[in-house]
């Protein structure tokens, strides 16, 4: 029985190291984008809510304090249900209610 010496320079070891690096990279991507379900709901972090609503962390804290936005706290971490954020956006959606009427190819009239 022959023993083969394997070091970092052998093609097999290079392939193994490359595979491990690729798997590590993919696992990091999954960990960053994975949204676990709790009771069938998707939860967002404060950072994700701020990005979605285009607000600062301080404004988000004000919304929590004033009861504008529902949240839950699990093990010291504050989380927000995606469905609550979607509902908040729908309730505060403002339509423009403007009607555009074409008078000619060069002129347009906008009625309020």
PDB file of N, CA and C in Angstrom:
ATOM      1  N   UNK A   1       0.835  -1.169   0.000  1.00  0.00           N
ATOM      2  CA  UNK A   1       0.000   0.000   0.000  1.00  0.00           C
ATOM      3  C   UNK A   1       0.890   1.245   0.000  1.00  0.00           C
ATOM      4  N   UNK A   2       0.705   2.061  -1.002  1.00  0.00           N
ATOM      5  CA  UNK A   2       1.497   3.281  -1.133  1.00  0.00           C
ATOM      6  C   UNK A   2       0.791   4.449  -0.475  1.00  0.00           C
ATOM      7  N   UNK A   3       1.582   5.284   0.140  1.00  0.00           N
ATOM      8  CA  UNK A   3       1.047   6.510   0.722  1.00  0.00           C
ATOM      9  C   UNK A   3       1.456   7.671  -0.165  1.00  0.00           C
ATOM     10  N   UNK A   4       0.486   8.494  -0.482  1.00  0.00           N
ATOM     11  CA  UNK A   4       0.765   9.651  -1.325  1.00  0.00           C
ATOM     12  C   UNK A   4       0.761  10.900  -0.451  1.00  0.00           C
ATOM     13  N   UNK A   5       1.724  11.727  -0.653  1.00  0.00           N
ATOM     14  CA  UNK A   5       1.800  12.973   0.102  1.00  0.00           C
ATOM     15  C   UNK A   5       0.958  14.014  -0.626  1.00  0.00           C
ATOM     16  N   UNK A   6       0.063  14.617   0.143  1.00  0.00           N
ATOM     17  CA  UNK A   6      -0.805  15.647  -0.418  1.00  0.00           C
ATOM     18  C   UNK A   6      -0.449  16.962   0.255  1.00  0.00           C
ATOM     19  N   UNK A   7      -0.167  17.958  -0.548  1.00  0.00           N
ATOM     20  CA  UNK A   7       0.088  19.291   0.003  1.00  0.00           C
ATOM     21  C   UNK A   7      -0.771  20.303  -0.747  1.00  0.00           C
ATOM     22  N   UNK A   8      -0.626  21.548  -0.407  1.00  0.00           N
ATOM     23  CA  UNK A   8      -1.482  22.592  -0.985  1.00  0.00           C
ATOM     24  C   UNK A   8      -1.282  22.757  -2.482  1.00  0.00           C
ATOM     25  N   UNK A   9      -0.211  22.281  -2.995  1.00  0.00           N
ATOM     26  CA  UNK A   9       0.115  22.490  -4.400  1.00  0.00           C
ATOM     27  C   UNK A   9      -0.414  21.389  -5.314  1.00  0.00           C
ATOM     28  N   UNK A  10      -0.879  20.295  -4.764  1.00  0.00           N
ATOM     29  CA  UNK A  10      -1.397  19.226  -5.618  1.00  0.00           C
ATOM     30  C   UNK A  10      -2.739  19.658  -6.201  1.00  0.00           C
ATOM     31  N   UNK A  11      -3.053  19.230  -7.416  1.00  0.00           N
ATOM     32  CA  UNK A  11      -4.310  19.624  -8.063  1.00  0.00           C
ATOM     33  C   UNK A  11      -5.545  19.243  -7.242  1.00  0.00           C
ATOM     34  N   UNK A  12      -5.494  18.090  -6.590  1.00  0.00           N
ATOM     35  CA  UNK A  12      -6.639  17.658  -5.792  1.00  0.00           C
ATOM     36  C   UNK A  12      -6.886  18.609  -4.623  1.00  0.00           C
ATOM     37  N   UNK A  13      -5.809  19.008  -3.960  1.00  0.00           N
ATOM     38  CA  UNK A  13      -5.939  19.894  -2.811  1.00  0.00           C
ATOM     39  C   UNK A  13      -6.379  21.287  -3.251  1.00  0.00           C
ATOM     40  N   UNK A  14      -5.860  21.775  -4.377  1.00  0.00           N
ATOM     41  CA  UNK A  14      -6.283  23.076  -4.902  1.00  0.00           C
ATOM     42  C   UNK A  14      -7.776  23.066  -5.217  1.00  0.00           C
ATOM     43  N   UNK A  15      -8.243  21.971  -5.786  1.00  0.00           N
ATOM     44  CA  UNK A  15      -9.667  21.844  -6.112  1.00  0.00           C
ATOM     45  C   UNK A  15     -10.511  21.810  -4.837  1.00  0.00           C
ATOM     46  N   UNK A  16     -10.049  21.089  -3.834  1.00  0.00           N
ATOM     47  CA  UNK A  16     -10.767  21.013  -2.559  1.00  0.00           C
ATOM     48  C   UNK A  16     -10.840  22.387  -1.891  1.00  0.00           C
ATOM     49  N   UNK A  17      -9.728  23.098  -1.852  1.00  0.00           N
ATOM     50  CA  UNK A  17      -9.692  24.431  -1.243  1.00  0.00           C
ATOM     51  C   UNK A  17     -10.597  25.390  -2.006  1.00  0.00           C
ATOM     52  N   UNK A  18     -10.564  25.327  -3.318  1.00  0.00           N
ATOM     53  CA  UNK A  18     -11.430  26.175  -4.136  1.00  0.00           C
ATOM     54  C   UNK A  18     -12.906  25.892  -3.853  1.00  0.00           C
ATOM     55  N   UNK A  19     -13.249  24.621  -3.738  1.00  0.00           N
ATOM     56  CA  UNK A  19     -14.631  24.239  -3.434  1.00  0.00           C
ATOM     57  C   UNK A  19     -15.078  24.737  -2.071  1.00  0.00           C
ATOM     58  N   UNK A  20     -14.189  24.649  -1.090  1.00  0.00           N
ATOM     59  CA  UNK A  20     -14.510  25.125   0.260  1.00  0.00           C
ATOM     60  C   UNK A  20     -14.710  26.642   0.254  1.00  0.00           C
ATOM     61  N   UNK A  21     -13.851  27.371  -0.461  1.00  0.00           N
ATOM     62  CA  UNK A  21     -13.993  28.825  -0.544  1.00  0.00           C
ATOM     63  C   UNK A  21     -15.312  29.211  -1.209  1.00  0.00           C
ATOM     64  N   UNK A  22     -15.660  28.521  -2.274  1.00  0.00           N
ATOM     65  CA  UNK A  22     -16.914  28.809  -2.985  1.00  0.00           C
ATOM     66  C   UNK A  22     -18.115  28.511  -2.097  1.00  0.00           C
ATOM     67  N   UNK A  23     -18.065  27.412  -1.369  1.00  0.00           N
ATOM     68  CA  UNK A  23     -19.166  27.051  -0.478  1.00  0.00           C
ATOM     69  C   UNK A  23     -19.297  28.071   0.655  1.00  0.00           C
ATOM     70  N   UNK A  24     -18.187  28.517   1.198  1.00  0.00           N
ATOM     71  CA  UNK A  24     -18.200  29.526   2.257  1.00  0.00           C
ATOM     72  C   UNK A  24     -18.818  30.825   1.751  1.00  0.00           C
ATOM     73  N   UNK A  25     -18.441  31.230   0.554  1.00  0.00           N
ATOM     74  CA  UNK A  25     -18.993  32.444  -0.053  1.00  0.00           C
ATOM     75  C   UNK A  25     -20.504  32.319  -0.226  1.00  0.00           C
ATOM     76  N   UNK A  26     -20.955  31.188  -0.723  1.00  0.00           N
ATOM     77  CA  UNK A  26     -22.389  30.963  -0.955  1.00  0.00           C
ATOM     78  C   UNK A  26     -23.162  30.934   0.362  1.00  0.00           C
ATOM     79  N   UNK A  27     -22.605  30.306   1.389  1.00  0.00           N
ATOM     80  CA  UNK A  27     -23.267  30.264   2.695  1.00  0.00           C
ATOM     81  C   UNK A  27     -23.406  31.662   3.292  1.00  0.00           C
ATOM     82  N   UNK A  28     -22.397  32.520   3.097  1.00  0.00           N
ATOM     83  CA  UNK A  28     -22.486  33.900   3.577  1.00  0.00           C
ATOM     84  C   UNK A  28     -23.606  34.644   2.859  1.00  0.00           C
ATOM     85  N   UNK A  29     -23.721  34.443   1.545  1.00  0.00           N
ATOM     86  CA  UNK A  29     -24.794  35.078   0.771  1.00  0.00           C
ATOM     87  C   UNK A  29     -26.161  34.629   1.272  1.00  0.00           C
ATOM     88  N   UNK A  30     -26.305  33.350   1.513  1.00  0.00           N
ATOM     89  CA  UNK A  30     -27.582  32.815   2.001  1.00  0.00           C
ATOM     90  C   UNK A  30     -27.901  33.378   3.376  1.00  0.00           C
ATOM     91  N   UNK A  31     -26.909  33.432   4.248  1.00  0.00           N
ATOM     92  CA  UNK A  31     -27.126  33.947   5.605  1.00  0.00           C
ATOM     93  C   UNK A  31     -27.550  35.411   5.583  1.00  0.00           C
ATOM     94  N   UNK A  32     -27.034  36.189   4.641  1.00  0.00           N
ATOM     95  CA  UNK A  32     -27.374  37.612   4.558  1.00  0.00           C
ATOM     96  C   UNK A  32     -28.764  37.845   3.984  1.00  0.00           C
ATOM     97  N   UNK A  33     -29.242  36.962   3.132  1.00  0.00           N
ATOM     98  CA  UNK A  33     -30.523  37.191   2.458  1.00  0.00           C
ATOM     99  C   UNK A  33     -31.649  36.309   2.967  1.00  0.00           C
ATOM    100  N   UNK A  34     -31.346  35.351   3.803  1.00  0.00           N
ATOM    101  CA  UNK A  34     -32.374  34.421   4.281  1.00  0.00           C
ATOM    102  C   UNK A  34     -33.327  35.119   5.234  1.00  0.00           C
ATOM    103  N   UNK A  35     -34.608  34.922   5.037  1.00  0.00           N
ATOM    104  CA  UNK A  35     -35.647  35.482   5.892  1.00  0.00           C
ATOM    105  C   UNK A  35     -36.427  34.336   6.513  1.00  0.00           C
ATOM    106  N   UNK A  36     -36.110  33.995   7.756  1.00  0.00           N
ATOM    107  CA  UNK A  36     -36.836  32.884   8.378  1.00  0.00           C
ATOM    108  C   UNK A  36     -38.286  33.257   8.653  1.00  0.00           C
ATOM    109  N   UNK A  37     -39.146  32.269   8.597  1.00  0.00           N
ATOM    110  CA  UNK A  37     -40.560  32.455   8.900  1.00  0.00           C
ATOM    111  C   UNK A  37     -40.805  32.116  10.356  1.00  0.00           C
ATOM    112  N   UNK A  38     -41.517  32.971  11.046  1.00  0.00           N
ATOM    113  CA  UNK A  38     -41.978  32.702  12.401  1.00  0.00           C
ATOM    114  C   UNK A  38     -43.494  32.729  12.337  1.00  0.00           C
ATOM    115  N   UNK A  39     -44.112  31.586  12.526  1.00  0.00           N
ATOM    116  CA  UNK A  39     -45.570  31.529  12.458  1.00  0.00           C
ATOM    117  C   UNK A  39     -46.101  31.912  11.094  1.00  0.00           C
ATOM    118  N   UNK A  40     -45.361  31.606  10.047  1.00  0.00           N
ATOM    119  CA  UNK A  40     -45.802  31.909   8.691  1.00  0.00           C
ATOM    120  C   UNK A  40     -45.565  33.352   8.271  1.00  0.00           C
ATOM    121  N   UNK A  41     -44.935  34.143   9.104  1.00  0.00           N
ATOM    122  CA  UNK A  41     -44.672  35.557   8.810  1.00  0.00           C
ATOM    123  C   UNK A  41     -43.186  35.776   8.539  1.00  0.00           C
ATOM    124  N   UNK A  42     -42.898  36.710   7.649  1.00  0.00           N
ATOM    125  CA  UNK A  42     -41.521  37.129   7.390  1.00  0.00           C
ATOM    126  C   UNK A  42     -41.258  38.370   8.238  1.00  0.00           C
ATOM    127  N   UNK A  43     -40.129  38.390   8.929  1.00  0.00           N
ATOM    128  CA  UNK A  43     -39.769  39.518   9.784  1.00  0.00           C
ATOM    129  C   UNK A  43     -38.565  40.253   9.212  1.00  0.00           C
ATOM    130  N   UNK A  44     -38.553  41.568   9.391  1.00  0.00           N
ATOM    131  CA  UNK A  44     -37.471  42.419   8.917  1.00  0.00           C
ATOM    132  C   UNK A  44     -36.741  43.042  10.099  1.00  0.00           C
ATOM    133  N   UNK A  45     -35.478  43.345   9.890  1.00  0.00           N
ATOM    134  CA  UNK A  45     -34.706  44.065  10.902  1.00  0.00           C
ATOM    135  C   UNK A  45     -34.993  45.560  10.772  1.00  0.00           C
ATOM    136  N   UNK A  46     -34.548  46.324  11.758  1.00  0.00           N
ATOM    137  CA  UNK A  46     -34.724  47.768  11.700  1.00  0.00           C
ATOM    138  C   UNK A  46     -34.048  48.379  10.483  1.00  0.00           C
ATOM    139  N   UNK A  47     -32.861  47.892  10.160  1.00  0.00           N
ATOM    140  CA  UNK A  47     -32.135  48.401   8.990  1.00  0.00           C
ATOM    141  C   UNK A  47     -32.930  48.177   7.715  1.00  0.00           C
ATOM    142  N   UNK A  48     -33.522  46.985   7.588  1.00  0.00           N
ATOM    143  CA  UNK A  48     -34.310  46.673   6.398  1.00  0.00           C
ATOM    144  C   UNK A  48     -35.563  47.542   6.312  1.00  0.00           C
ATOM    145  N   UNK A  49     -36.191  47.809   7.455  1.00  0.00           N
ATOM    146  CA  UNK A  49     -37.377  48.672   7.468  1.00  0.00           C
ATOM    147  C   UNK A  49     -36.986  50.096   7.081  1.00  0.00           C
ATOM    148  N   UNK A  50     -35.878  50.588   7.621  1.00  0.00           N
ATOM    149  CA  UNK A  50     -35.408  51.931   7.272  1.00  0.00           C
ATOM    150  C   UNK A  50     -35.149  52.053   5.773  1.00  0.00           C
ATOM    151  N   UNK A  51     -34.525  51.046   5.190  1.00  0.00           N
ATOM    152  CA  UNK A  51     -34.261  51.062   3.751  1.00  0.00           C
ATOM    153  C   UNK A  51     -35.562  51.035   2.959  1.00  0.00           C
ATOM    154  N   UNK A  52     -36.510  50.242   3.393  1.00  0.00           N
ATOM    155  CA  UNK A  52     -37.777  50.091   2.681  1.00  0.00           C
ATOM    156  C   UNK A  52     -38.614  51.371   2.745  1.00  0.00           C
ATOM    157  N   UNK A  53     -38.600  52.046   3.901  1.00  0.00           N
ATOM    158  CA  UNK A  53     -39.424  53.242   4.094  1.00  0.00           C
ATOM    159  C   UNK A  53     -38.653  54.547   3.855  1.00  0.00           C
ATOM    160  N   UNK A  54     -37.358  54.441   3.564  1.00  0.00           N
ATOM    161  CA  UNK A  54     -36.507  55.614   3.347  1.00  0.00           C
ATOM    162  C   UNK A  54     -36.539  56.545   4.559  1.00  0.00           C
ATOM    163  N   UNK A  55     -36.323  55.970   5.737  1.00  0.00           N
ATOM    164  CA  UNK A  55     -36.302  56.738   6.978  1.00  0.00           C
ATOM    165  C   UNK A  55     -35.022  56.417   7.744  1.00  0.00           C
ATOM    166  N   UNK A  56     -34.711  57.258   8.714  1.00  0.00           N
ATOM    167  CA  UNK A  56     -33.521  57.034   9.545  1.00  0.00           C
ATOM    168  C   UNK A  56     -33.876  56.114  10.712  1.00  0.00           C
ATOM    169  N   UNK A  57     -32.866  55.522  11.345  1.00  0.00           N
ATOM    170  CA  UNK A  57     -33.130  54.701  12.532  1.00  0.00           C
ATOM    171  C   UNK A  57     -33.832  55.490  13.642  1.00  0.00           C
ATOM    172  N   UNK A  58     -33.503  56.773  13.772  1.00  0.00           N
ATOM    173  CA  UNK A  58     -34.143  57.602  14.799  1.00  0.00           C
ATOM    174  C   UNK A  58     -35.632  57.788  14.500  1.00  0.00           C
ATOM    175  N   UNK A  59     -35.975  57.999  13.238  1.00  0.00           N
ATOM    176  CA  UNK A  59     -37.387  58.123  12.855  1.00  0.00           C
ATOM    177  C   UNK A  59     -38.114  56.820  13.119  1.00  0.00           C
ATOM    178  N   UNK A  60     -37.472  55.707  12.834  1.00  0.00           N
ATOM    179  CA  UNK A  60     -38.083  54.408  13.106  1.00  0.00           C
ATOM    180  C   UNK A  60     -38.346  54.252  14.599  1.00  0.00           C
ATOM    181  N   UNK A  61     -37.406  54.691  15.419  1.00  0.00           N
ATOM    182  CA  UNK A  61     -37.602  54.629  16.870  1.00  0.00           C
ATOM    183  C   UNK A  61     -38.776  55.517  17.286  1.00  0.00           C
ATOM    184  N   UNK A  62     -38.883  56.703  16.695  1.00  0.00           N
ATOM    185  CA  UNK A  62     -40.023  57.586  16.985  1.00  0.00           C
ATOM    186  C   UNK A  62     -41.339  56.909  16.611  1.00  0.00           C
ATOM    187  N   UNK A  63     -41.369  56.240  15.456  1.00  0.00           N
ATOM    188  CA  UNK A  63     -42.581  55.527  15.023  1.00  0.00           C
ATOM    189  C   UNK A  63     -42.950  54.439  16.024  1.00  0.00           C
ATOM    190  N   UNK A  64     -41.939  53.729  16.544  1.00  0.00           N
ATOM    191  CA  UNK A  64     -42.204  52.702  17.563  1.00  0.00           C
ATOM    192  C   UNK A  64     -42.765  53.339  18.824  1.00  0.00           C
ATOM    193  N   UNK A  65     -42.115  54.406  19.287  1.00  0.00           N
ATOM    194  CA  UNK A  65     -42.523  55.078  20.525  1.00  0.00           C
ATOM    195  C   UNK A  65     -43.940  55.635  20.437  1.00  0.00           C
ATOM    196  N   UNK A  66     -44.320  56.129  19.254  1.00  0.00           N
ATOM    197  CA  UNK A  66     -45.649  56.729  19.062  1.00  0.00           C
ATOM    198  C   UNK A  66     -46.706  55.703  18.669  1.00  0.00           C
ATOM    199  N   UNK A  67     -46.301  54.452  18.496  1.00  0.00           N
ATOM    200  CA  UNK A  67     -47.248  53.406  18.127  1.00  0.00           C
ATOM    201  C   UNK A  67     -47.656  53.436  16.667  1.00  0.00           C
ATOM    202  N   UNK A  68     -46.870  54.108  15.836  1.00  0.00           N
ATOM    203  CA  UNK A  68     -47.168  54.195  14.405  1.00  0.00           C
ATOM    204  C   UNK A  68     -46.898  52.865  13.720  1.00  0.00           C
ATOM    205  N   UNK A  69     -45.873  52.173  14.190  1.00  0.00           N
ATOM    206  CA  UNK A  69     -45.448  50.942  13.531  1.00  0.00           C
ATOM    207  C   UNK A  69     -45.367  49.816  14.563  1.00  0.00           C
ATOM    208  N   UNK A  70     -46.051  48.702  14.302  1.00  0.00           N
ATOM    209  CA  UNK A  70     -45.980  47.582  15.241  1.00  0.00           C
ATOM    210  C   UNK A  70     -44.631  46.858  15.150  1.00  0.00           C
ATOM    211  N   UNK A  71     -44.219  46.273  16.250  1.00  0.00           N
ATOM    212  CA  UNK A  71     -42.953  45.539  16.281  1.00  0.00           C
ATOM    213  C   UNK A  71     -43.019  44.478  17.364  1.00  0.00           C
ATOM    214  N   UNK A  72     -42.043  43.598  17.326  1.00  0.00           N
ATOM    215  CA  UNK A  72     -41.902  42.595  18.375  1.00  0.00           C
ATOM    216  C   UNK A  72     -40.445  42.558  18.789  1.00  0.00           C
ATOM    217  N   UNK A  73     -40.205  42.184  20.022  1.00  0.00           N
ATOM    218  CA  UNK A  73     -38.837  42.098  20.517  1.00  0.00           C
ATOM    219  C   UNK A  73     -38.587  40.670  20.976  1.00  0.00           C
ATOM    220  N   UNK A  74     -37.603  40.033  20.347  1.00  0.00           N
ATOM    221  CA  UNK A  74     -37.251  38.653  20.666  1.00  0.00           C
ATOM    222  C   UNK A  74     -35.789  38.629  21.074  1.00  0.00           C
ATOM    223  N   UNK A  75     -35.536  38.202  22.287  1.00  0.00           N
ATOM    224  CA  UNK A  75     -34.165  38.111  22.818  1.00  0.00           C
ATOM    225  C   UNK A  75     -33.406  39.421  22.630  1.00  0.00           C
ATOM    226  N   UNK A  76     -34.085  40.536  22.863  1.00  0.00           N
ATOM    227  CA  UNK A  76     -33.448  41.838  22.767  1.00  0.00           C
ATOM    228  C   UNK A  76     -33.363  42.410  21.366  1.00  0.00           C
ATOM    229  N   UNK A  77     -33.781  41.652  20.362  1.00  0.00           N
ATOM    230  CA  UNK A  77     -33.725  42.124  18.979  1.00  0.00           C
ATOM    231  C   UNK A  77     -35.119  42.557  18.548  1.00  0.00           C
ATOM    232  N   UNK A  78     -35.227  43.766  18.004  1.00  0.00           N
ATOM    233  CA  UNK A  78     -36.512  44.286  17.546  1.00  0.00           C
ATOM    234  C   UNK A  78     -36.710  43.881  16.095  1.00  0.00           C
ATOM    235  N   UNK A  79     -37.874  43.288  15.825  1.00  0.00           N
ATOM    236  CA  UNK A  79     -38.217  42.827  14.482  1.00  0.00           C
ATOM    237  C   UNK A  79     -39.579  43.369  14.087  1.00  0.00           C
ATOM    238  N   UNK A  80     -39.789  43.485  12.774  1.00  0.00           N
ATOM    239  CA  UNK A  80     -41.024  44.031  12.228  1.00  0.00           C
ATOM    240  C   UNK A  80     -41.589  43.047  11.210  1.00  0.00           C
ATOM    241  N   UNK A  81     -42.902  42.775  11.300  1.00  0.00           N
ATOM    242  CA  UNK A  81     -43.518  41.876  10.328  1.00  0.00           C
ATOM    243  C   UNK A  81     -43.609  42.574   8.978  1.00  0.00           C
ATOM    244  N   UNK A  82     -43.215  41.872   7.945  1.00  0.00           N
ATOM    245  CA  UNK A  82     -43.290  42.409   6.593  1.00  0.00           C
ATOM    246  C   UNK A  82     -44.723  42.797   6.255  1.00  0.00           C
ATOM    247  N   UNK A  83     -45.694  41.991   6.672  1.00  0.00           N
ATOM    248  CA  UNK A  83     -47.097  42.289   6.369  1.00  0.00           C
ATOM    249  C   UNK A  83     -47.538  43.596   7.031  1.00  0.00           C
ATOM    250  N   UNK A  84     -47.026  43.907   8.225  1.00  0.00           N
ATOM    251  CA  UNK A  84     -47.355  45.177   8.888  1.00  0.00           C
ATOM    252  C   UNK A  84     -46.767  46.364   8.127  1.00  0.00           C
ATOM    253  N   UNK A  85     -45.552  46.209   7.624  1.00  0.00           N
ATOM    254  CA  UNK A  85     -44.908  47.285   6.861  1.00  0.00           C
ATOM    255  C   UNK A  85     -45.662  47.513   5.558  1.00  0.00           C
ATOM    256  N   UNK A  86     -46.040  46.425   4.882  1.00  0.00           N
ATOM    257  CA  UNK A  86     -46.815  46.541   3.644  1.00  0.00           C
ATOM    258  C   UNK A  86     -48.149  47.235   3.904  1.00  0.00           C
ATOM    259  N   UNK A  87     -48.815  46.872   4.990  1.00  0.00           N
ATOM    260  CA  UNK A  87     -50.102  47.478   5.335  1.00  0.00           C
ATOM    261  C   UNK A  87     -49.926  48.973   5.631  1.00  0.00           C
ATOM    262  N   UNK A  88     -48.880  49.327   6.350  1.00  0.00           N
ATOM    263  CA  UNK A  88     -48.598  50.725   6.656  1.00  0.00           C
ATOM    264  C   UNK A  88     -48.395  51.528   5.372  1.00  0.00           C
ATOM    265  N   UNK A  89     -47.681  50.947   4.423  1.00  0.00           N
ATOM    266  CA  UNK A  89     -47.455  51.627   3.149  1.00  0.00           C
ATOM    267  C   UNK A  89     -48.768  51.791   2.382  1.00  0.00           C
ATOM    268  N   UNK A  90     -49.605  50.768   2.377  1.00  0.00           N
ATOM    269  CA  UNK A  90     -50.891  50.854   1.679  1.00  0.00           C
ATOM    270  C   UNK A  90     -51.794  51.907   2.309  1.00  0.00           C
ATOM    271  N   UNK A  91     -51.853  51.951   3.625  1.00  0.00           N
ATOM    272  CA  UNK A  91     -52.715  52.905   4.325  1.00  0.00           C
ATOM    273  C   UNK A  91     -52.270  54.347   4.113  1.00  0.00           C
ATOM    274  N   UNK A  92     -51.000  54.559   3.860  1.00  0.00           N
ATOM    275  CA  UNK A  92     -50.475  55.914   3.696  1.00  0.00           C
ATOM    276  C   UNK A  92     -50.178  56.273   2.246  1.00  0.00           C
ATOM    277  N   UNK A  93     -50.665  55.472   1.322  1.00  0.00           N
ATOM    278  CA  UNK A  93     -50.451  55.734  -0.099  1.00  0.00           C
ATOM    279  C   UNK A  93     -51.292  56.927  -0.527  1.00  0.00           C
ATOM    280  N   UNK A  94     -50.689  57.875  -1.194  1.00  0.00           N
ATOM    281  CA  UNK A  94     -51.390  59.064  -1.675  1.00  0.00           C
ATOM    282  C   UNK A  94     -51.421  59.024  -3.197  1.00  0.00           C
ATOM    283  N   UNK A  95     -52.626  59.020  -3.740  1.00  0.00           N
ATOM    284  CA  UNK A  95     -52.790  59.045  -5.186  1.00  0.00           C
ATOM    285  C   UNK A  95     -52.737  60.494  -5.661  1.00  0.00           C
ATOM    286  N   UNK A  96     -52.261  60.730  -6.872  1.00  0.00           N
ATOM    287  CA  UNK A  96     -52.157  62.097  -7.382  1.00  0.00           C
ATOM    288  C   UNK A  96     -53.499  62.638  -7.850  1.00  0.00           C
ATOM    289  N   UNK A  97     -54.408  61.786  -8.292  1.00  0.00           N
ATOM    290  CA  UNK A  97     -55.731  62.190  -8.777  1.00  0.00           C
ATOM    291  C   UNK A  97     -55.669  63.229  -9.885  1.00  0.00           C
ATOM    292  N   UNK A  98     -54.624  63.251 -10.658  1.00  0.00           N
ATOM    293  CA  UNK A  98     -54.519  64.177 -11.781  1.00  0.00           C
ATOM    294  C   UNK A  98     -54.946  63.461 -13.048  1.00  0.00           C
ATOM    295  N   UNK A  99     -55.695  64.188 -13.880  1.00  0.00           N
ATOM    296  CA  UNK A  99     -56.152  63.647 -15.155  1.00  0.00           C
ATOM    297  C   UNK A  99     -55.423  64.404 -16.251  1.00  0.00           C
ATOM    298  N   UNK A 100     -54.816  63.680 -17.135  1.00  0.00           N
ATOM    299  CA  UNK A 100     -54.089  64.290 -18.234  1.00  0.00           C
ATOM    300  C   UNK A 100     -54.940  64.207 -19.494  1.00  0.00           C
ATOM    301  N   UNK A 101     -55.205  65.362 -20.102  1.00  0.00           N
ATOM    302  CA  UNK A 101     -56.013  65.415 -21.319  1.00  0.00           C
ATOM    303  C   UNK A 101     -55.141  65.982 -22.424  1.00  0.00           C
ATOM    304  N   UNK A 102     -55.055  65.268 -23.523  1.00  0.00           N
ATOM    305  CA  UNK A 102     -54.241  65.719 -24.639  1.00  0.00           C
ATOM    306  C   UNK A 102     -55.051  66.688 -25.493  1.00  0.00           C
ATOM    307  N   UNK A 103     -54.553  67.920 -25.668  1.00  0.00           N
ATOM    308  CA  UNK A 103     -55.238  68.916 -26.491  1.00  0.00           C
ATOM    309  C   UNK A 103     -54.698  68.850 -27.909  1.00  0.00           C
ATOM    310  N   UNK A 104     -53.425  68.745 -28.056  1.00  0.00           N
ATOM    311  CA  UNK A 104     -52.813  68.579 -29.366  1.00  0.00           C
ATOM    312  C   UNK A 104     -51.489  67.865 -29.163  1.00  0.00           C
ATOM    313  N   UNK A 105     -50.774  67.659 -30.233  1.00  0.00           N
ATOM    314  CA  UNK A 105     -49.491  66.981 -30.102  1.00  0.00           C
ATOM    315  C   UNK A 105     -48.455  67.870 -29.427  1.00  0.00           C
ATOM    316  N   UNK A 106     -48.659  69.192 -29.425  1.00  0.00           N
ATOM    317  CA  UNK A 106     -47.693  70.110 -28.836  1.00  0.00           C
ATOM    318  C   UNK A 106     -48.105  70.610 -27.459  1.00  0.00           C
ATOM    319  N   UNK A 107     -49.366  70.422 -27.063  1.00  0.00           N
ATOM    320  CA  UNK A 107     -49.858  71.011 -25.823  1.00  0.00           C
ATOM    321  C   UNK A 107     -50.644  69.976 -25.026  1.00  0.00           C
ATOM    322  N   UNK A 108     -50.435  69.948 -23.696  1.00  0.00           N
ATOM    323  CA  UNK A 108     -51.194  69.048 -22.825  1.00  0.00           C
ATOM    324  C   UNK A 108     -51.763  69.865 -21.677  1.00  0.00           C
ATOM    325  N   UNK A 109     -52.969  69.514 -21.240  1.00  0.00           N
ATOM    326  CA  UNK A 109     -53.620  70.183 -20.125  1.00  0.00           C
ATOM    327  C   UNK A 109     -53.720  69.198 -18.977  1.00  0.00           C
ATOM    328  N   UNK A 110     -53.313  69.613 -17.797  1.00  0.00           N
ATOM    329  CA  UNK A 110     -53.408  68.755 -16.616  1.00  0.00           C
ATOM    330  C   UNK A 110     -54.455  69.353 -15.696  1.00  0.00           C
ATOM    331  N   UNK A 111     -55.470  68.560 -15.385  1.00  0.00           N
ATOM    332  CA  UNK A 111     -56.565  69.000 -14.529  1.00  0.00           C
ATOM    333  C   UNK A 111     -56.423  68.382 -13.156  1.00  0.00           C
ATOM    334  N   UNK A 112     -56.655  69.158 -12.110  1.00  0.00           N
ATOM    335  CA  UNK A 112     -56.659  68.632 -10.740  1.00  0.00           C
ATOM    336  C   UNK A 112     -58.069  68.291 -10.338  1.00  0.00           C
TER     337      UNK A 112
END
